């Protein structure tokens, strides 16, 4: 490279050294003499448009050392970006699935559920009973106890039924006339009806005899509130099937009035007879 006329040298990393400043420049544009630079085809310079950087051997080595971390960092960023993208897609798929599950569930009916836990009212032991698998519970069977009704002190009545049954009653929940729901085997243990698919079923019983007349309004509302709560707790799968359970060993028209009422409930799928 050849440079004619005034050549201004700039030390690396600093300003112009006074000794390298052209004496012809006096601070006026009129006295400024242009500098011409001649460049060989094989030379490179970062100062010209389209040119490539000219780096000495020592500078080239330093540049290589400096560029390597940058390339490594870029690769790390790419992998992190891919990982974050996969996590985002997984979260989106999960959110879509949960939203789809909620659309299948029944909307909240506004009824209040008064639930009395098993350990509060019952002294029966449940440890030797098989457990329900919540993600497989798709059936609900509703019947009655075919016993006396109660509007108060219903726990005493249920204790009498337990003594007659010798152990815990065969139902998962009992809907009493005092507008309380009593947990028997609950969401954790299977019922004792051998004719039913036990591991995938909940059995609800209205306390009383309802072959000729219906349970009270609060009992019916509690039953629907219990169904909604079971879905909310993921103890009952959306789109379940509801059956009326008739014990034909008592009567051919056992719980007949109750069964007619259940035919108007969502997810009603028919009736099942047991002995």
Protein backbone atom coordinates (compact mmCIF):
# COMPACT_ATOMS: atom_id res chain seq x y z
CA UNK A 1 0.00 0.00 0.00
CA UNK A 2 1.28 3.43 -0.87
CA UNK A 3 0.16 6.61 0.74
CA UNK A 4 0.77 10.01 -0.85
CA UNK A 5 0.90 13.44 0.68
CA UNK A 6 -0.21 13.75 4.26
CA UNK A 7 -0.38 10.53 6.28
CA UNK A 8 -1.89 10.59 9.70
CA UNK A 9 -0.95 7.76 12.05
CA UNK A 10 -3.16 6.83 14.99
CA UNK A 11 -1.76 4.63 17.76
CA UNK A 12 -3.93 1.65 18.72
CA UNK A 13 -6.48 2.45 21.39
CA UNK A 14 -5.66 6.16 21.58
CA UNK A 15 -5.88 9.53 19.89
CA UNK A 16 -3.49 11.13 17.46
CA UNK A 17 0.09 11.69 18.57
CA UNK A 18 1.23 15.25 17.96
CA UNK A 19 4.30 14.12 16.04
CA UNK A 20 2.15 12.36 13.48
CA UNK A 21 -0.14 15.24 12.71
CA UNK A 22 0.28 16.95 9.33
CA UNK A 23 1.77 20.41 9.59
CA UNK A 24 -0.31 21.62 6.67
CA UNK A 25 -3.53 21.40 8.56
CA UNK A 26 -4.21 24.69 10.31
CA UNK A 27 -7.76 24.13 11.42
CA UNK A 28 -9.22 25.64 8.23
CA UNK A 29 -10.96 23.57 5.58
CA UNK A 30 -9.27 25.66 2.88
CA UNK A 31 -5.78 24.51 3.93
CA UNK A 32 -6.72 20.86 4.18
CA UNK A 33 -4.81 18.68 1.73
CA UNK A 34 -6.50 15.42 0.72
CA UNK A 35 -4.71 12.17 1.44
CA UNK A 36 -4.66 9.50 -1.25
CA UNK A 37 -4.33 5.81 -0.39
CA UNK A 38 -3.29 3.19 -2.92
CA UNK A 39 -4.21 -0.37 -2.08
CA UNK A 40 -3.00 -3.58 -3.62
CA UNK A 41 -5.68 -6.14 -4.57
CA UNK A 42 -4.38 -8.59 -1.97
CA UNK A 43 -4.50 -6.12 0.89
CA UNK A 44 -7.38 -5.82 3.34
CA UNK A 45 -8.43 -2.91 5.50
CA UNK A 46 -11.48 -2.25 7.70
CA UNK A 47 -11.39 1.43 6.84
CA UNK A 48 -12.69 1.02 3.30
CA UNK A 49 -16.26 -0.01 2.37
CA UNK A 50 -16.46 -3.63 1.37
CA UNK A 51 -12.96 -4.28 2.61
CA UNK A 52 -11.95 -7.04 4.98
CA UNK A 53 -10.13 -6.53 8.25
CA UNK A 54 -6.32 -6.50 8.12
CA UNK A 55 -4.98 -8.15 11.22
CA UNK A 56 -1.40 -8.95 12.00
CA UNK A 57 -0.43 -12.45 13.06
CA UNK A 58 -0.46 -11.47 16.70
CA UNK A 59 -3.74 -9.60 16.34
CA UNK A 60 -5.23 -12.52 14.42
CA UNK A 61 -4.41 -14.86 17.25
CA UNK A 62 -5.99 -12.51 19.75
CA UNK A 63 -9.06 -12.12 17.59
CA UNK A 64 -9.43 -15.86 17.33
CA UNK A 65 -9.26 -16.20 21.09
CA UNK A 66 -11.83 -13.44 21.51
CA UNK A 67 -14.21 -14.86 18.92
CA UNK A 68 -14.33 -18.37 20.36
CA UNK A 69 -16.29 -17.42 23.53
CA UNK A 70 -18.73 -15.47 21.40
CA UNK A 71 -19.40 -18.48 19.19
CA UNK A 72 -19.76 -20.72 22.26
CA UNK A 73 -22.17 -18.28 23.88
CA UNK A 74 -24.27 -18.18 20.73
CA UNK A 75 -24.54 -21.97 20.71
CA UNK A 76 -25.58 -21.96 24.38
CA UNK A 77 -28.23 -19.38 23.66
CA UNK A 78 -29.57 -21.51 20.81
CA UNK A 79 -29.90 -24.57 23.05
CA UNK A 80 -31.52 -22.54 25.78
CA UNK A 81 -33.94 -21.07 23.27
CA UNK A 82 -34.87 -24.55 22.04
CA UNK A 83 -35.36 -25.75 25.63
CA UNK A 84 -37.58 -22.79 26.52
CA UNK A 85 -39.58 -23.31 23.33
CA UNK A 86 -40.18 -26.98 24.17
CA UNK A 87 -41.27 -26.06 27.71
CA UNK A 88 -43.67 -23.45 26.31
CA UNK A 89 -45.19 -25.94 23.87
CA UNK A 90 -45.59 -28.55 26.63
CA UNK A 91 -47.31 -26.02 28.88
CA UNK A 92 -49.62 -24.97 26.05
CA UNK A 93 -50.61 -28.59 25.36
CA UNK A 94 -51.29 -29.22 29.07
CA UNK A 95 -53.37 -26.04 29.40
CA UNK A 96 -55.40 -27.01 26.33
CA UNK A 97 -56.06 -30.47 27.76
CA UNK A 98 -57.18 -29.10 31.14
CA UNK A 99 -59.45 -26.59 29.42
CA UNK A 100 -60.98 -29.40 27.37
CA UNK A 101 -61.55 -31.42 30.56
CA UNK A 102 -63.30 -28.47 32.20
CA UNK A 103 -65.62 -28.01 29.24
CA UNK A 104 -66.85 -31.58 29.74
CA UNK A 105 -67.57 -31.07 33.43
CA UNK A 106 -70.94 -29.82 34.59
CA UNK A 107 -71.14 -26.12 35.45
CA UNK A 108 -71.41 -25.20 39.10
CA UNK A 109 -75.07 -25.53 40.14
CA UNK A 110 -74.88 -23.16 43.10
CA UNK A 111 -75.98 -25.78 45.65
CA UNK A 112 -74.17 -25.96 48.96
CA UNK A 113 -72.57 -29.20 50.11
CA UNK A 114 -72.43 -29.86 53.86
CA UNK A 115 -70.05 -32.79 54.12
CA UNK A 116 -69.42 -34.60 57.41
CA UNK A 117 -66.24 -36.63 57.24
CA UNK A 118 -66.15 -40.31 58.13
CA UNK A 119 -63.89 -39.88 61.15
CA UNK A 120 -66.31 -37.39 62.71
CA UNK A 121 -69.51 -39.45 62.75
CA UNK A 122 -68.52 -43.10 62.14
CA UNK A 123 -66.45 -45.48 64.23
CA UNK A 124 -66.25 -48.21 61.57
CA UNK A 125 -62.82 -49.21 60.27
CA UNK A 126 -62.03 -49.06 56.56
CA UNK A 127 -58.41 -50.15 56.41
CA UNK A 128 -59.04 -53.57 54.87
CA UNK A 129 -61.27 -52.28 52.05
CA UNK A 130 -59.97 -51.94 48.48
CA UNK A 131 -59.33 -48.42 47.30
CA UNK A 132 -60.88 -46.53 44.42
CA UNK A 133 -58.77 -45.29 41.52
CA UNK A 134 -59.94 -41.72 41.07
CA UNK A 135 -58.83 -41.46 37.44
CA UNK A 136 -61.02 -44.47 36.56
CA UNK A 137 -64.26 -43.53 38.35
CA UNK A 138 -66.78 -43.07 35.53
CA UNK A 139 -70.00 -44.49 37.05
CA UNK A 140 -72.40 -43.14 39.68
CA UNK A 141 -75.14 -45.34 41.15
CA UNK A 142 -77.89 -43.72 43.22
CA UNK A 143 -80.30 -45.57 45.50
CA UNK A 144 -81.89 -45.28 48.96
CA UNK A 145 -81.37 -46.98 52.31
CA UNK A 146 -85.01 -48.16 52.45
CA UNK A 147 -85.01 -47.23 56.14
CA UNK A 148 -86.55 -44.61 58.37
CA UNK A 149 -86.05 -41.01 57.38
CA UNK A 150 -84.56 -38.33 59.60
CA UNK A 151 -84.60 -34.57 59.76
CA UNK A 152 -82.35 -34.25 62.82
CA UNK A 153 -79.91 -36.41 64.77
CA UNK A 154 -79.32 -38.41 61.61
CA UNK A 155 -75.97 -39.71 62.87
CA UNK A 156 -77.79 -41.82 65.48
CA UNK A 157 -79.96 -43.34 62.78
CA UNK A 158 -76.90 -44.15 60.70
CA UNK A 159 -75.21 -45.77 63.69
CA UNK A 160 -78.20 -48.09 63.99
CA UNK A 161 -77.92 -48.98 60.29
CA UNK A 162 -74.22 -49.73 60.78
CA UNK A 163 -74.96 -52.13 63.63
CA UNK A 164 -77.53 -53.95 61.52
CA UNK A 165 -75.08 -54.16 58.62
CA UNK A 166 -72.19 -55.22 60.86
CA UNK A 167 -69.56 -52.78 59.71
CA UNK A 168 -69.47 -49.77 57.46
CA UNK A 169 -72.47 -49.26 55.21
CA UNK A 170 -71.93 -50.32 51.58
CA UNK A 171 -72.30 -46.80 50.17
CA UNK A 172 -69.74 -44.11 49.46
CA UNK A 173 -71.96 -41.24 50.65
CA UNK A 174 -75.28 -40.90 52.48
CA UNK A 175 -77.64 -37.98 51.84
CA UNK A 176 -79.71 -37.40 54.98
CA UNK A 177 -82.86 -35.38 55.69
CA UNK A 178 -80.99 -32.93 57.95
CA UNK A 179 -79.38 -31.58 54.75
CA UNK A 180 -76.04 -33.12 55.61
CA UNK A 181 -73.95 -35.47 53.50
CA UNK A 182 -72.28 -38.22 55.52
CA UNK A 183 -69.08 -39.76 54.20
CA UNK A 184 -69.18 -43.56 54.52
CA UNK A 185 -66.57 -45.09 52.21
CA UNK A 186 -66.00 -41.74 50.58
CA UNK A 187 -63.85 -41.09 47.54
CA UNK A 188 -61.17 -43.47 48.76
CA UNK A 189 -62.77 -46.91 49.21
CA UNK A 190 -64.96 -49.07 46.98
CA UNK A 191 -68.57 -49.97 47.76
CA UNK A 192 -69.53 -53.52 48.71
CA UNK A 193 -71.98 -54.17 45.85
CA UNK A 194 -70.49 -57.20 44.09
CA UNK A 195 -72.75 -56.69 41.04
CA UNK A 196 -71.20 -53.27 40.30
CA UNK A 197 -67.87 -52.36 38.71
CA UNK A 198 -66.54 -51.41 42.13
CA UNK A 199 -63.19 -49.87 41.23
CA UNK A 200 -64.79 -47.38 38.83
CA UNK A 201 -68.02 -46.51 40.67
CA UNK A 202 -69.42 -44.24 43.37
CA UNK A 203 -72.61 -45.29 45.16
CA UNK A 204 -74.81 -42.59 46.74
CA UNK A 205 -77.79 -43.39 48.97
CA UNK A 206 -80.63 -41.17 50.13
CA UNK A 207 -81.43 -41.93 53.76
CA UNK A 208 -85.07 -43.06 53.82
CA UNK A 209 -87.67 -44.96 51.81
CA UNK A 210 -88.38 -43.32 48.44
CA UNK A 211 -90.42 -45.82 46.48
CA UNK A 212 -93.59 -43.68 46.61
CA UNK A 213 -92.34 -40.14 47.21
CA UNK A 214 -89.26 -38.11 46.55
CA UNK A 215 -86.46 -37.12 48.93
CA UNK A 216 -86.59 -33.56 50.23
CA UNK A 217 -85.43 -30.71 48.02
CA UNK A 218 -82.28 -30.16 50.07
CA UNK A 219 -81.36 -33.84 49.69
CA UNK A 220 -81.72 -33.67 45.92
CA UNK A 221 -79.69 -30.47 45.78
CA UNK A 222 -76.99 -31.98 47.99
CA UNK A 223 -76.70 -34.95 45.65
CA UNK A 224 -76.08 -32.66 42.71
CA UNK A 225 -73.64 -30.57 44.75
CA UNK A 226 -71.79 -33.77 45.67
CA UNK A 227 -71.50 -34.78 42.02
CA UNK A 228 -70.07 -31.38 41.15
CA UNK A 229 -67.65 -31.47 44.09
CA UNK A 230 -66.50 -34.95 43.08
CA UNK A 231 -65.57 -33.63 39.66
CA UNK A 232 -63.90 -30.55 41.10
CA UNK A 233 -61.70 -32.76 43.27
CA UNK A 234 -60.96 -35.00 40.27
CA UNK A 235 -62.58 -37.95 42.05
CA UNK A 236 -65.14 -38.38 39.27
CA UNK A 237 -64.33 -38.15 35.59
CA UNK A 238 -66.17 -35.68 33.32
CA UNK A 239 -68.81 -37.29 31.15
CA UNK A 240 -69.57 -39.96 33.77
CA UNK A 241 -72.68 -42.15 33.53
CA UNK A 242 -75.42 -42.03 36.16
CA UNK A 243 -77.56 -45.07 36.99
CA UNK A 244 -80.53 -45.67 39.24
CA UNK A 245 -79.87 -48.67 41.49
CA UNK A 246 -82.86 -50.86 42.33
CA UNK A 247 -82.78 -53.65 44.92
CA UNK A 248 -85.36 -56.09 43.58
CA UNK A 249 -84.98 -58.38 46.60
CA UNK A 250 -87.01 -55.79 48.55
CA UNK A 251 -89.58 -54.96 45.88
CA UNK A 252 -89.97 -54.85 42.13
CA UNK A 253 -90.74 -51.15 42.51
CA UNK A 254 -87.92 -50.41 44.91
CA UNK A 255 -87.06 -46.67 45.00
CA UNK A 256 -89.42 -46.14 42.08
CA UNK A 257 -90.19 -42.46 42.76
CA UNK A 258 -86.49 -41.69 43.12
CA UNK A 259 -85.69 -43.48 39.87
CA UNK A 260 -88.28 -41.46 37.95
CA UNK A 261 -86.63 -38.27 39.24
CA UNK A 262 -83.16 -39.39 38.21
CA UNK A 263 -84.25 -39.87 34.61
CA UNK A 264 -84.23 -36.06 34.25
CA UNK A 265 -80.70 -35.62 35.58
CA UNK A 266 -77.68 -35.01 33.33
CA UNK A 267 -75.70 -38.09 32.29
CA UNK A 268 -78.55 -40.46 33.19
CA UNK A 269 -77.79 -43.80 31.51
CA UNK A 270 -80.48 -46.16 32.84
CA UNK A 271 -81.06 -48.39 35.84
CA UNK A 272 -79.41 -51.48 37.27
CA UNK A 273 -81.08 -54.15 39.38
CA UNK A 274 -79.32 -55.91 42.22
CA UNK A 275 -80.41 -58.46 44.82
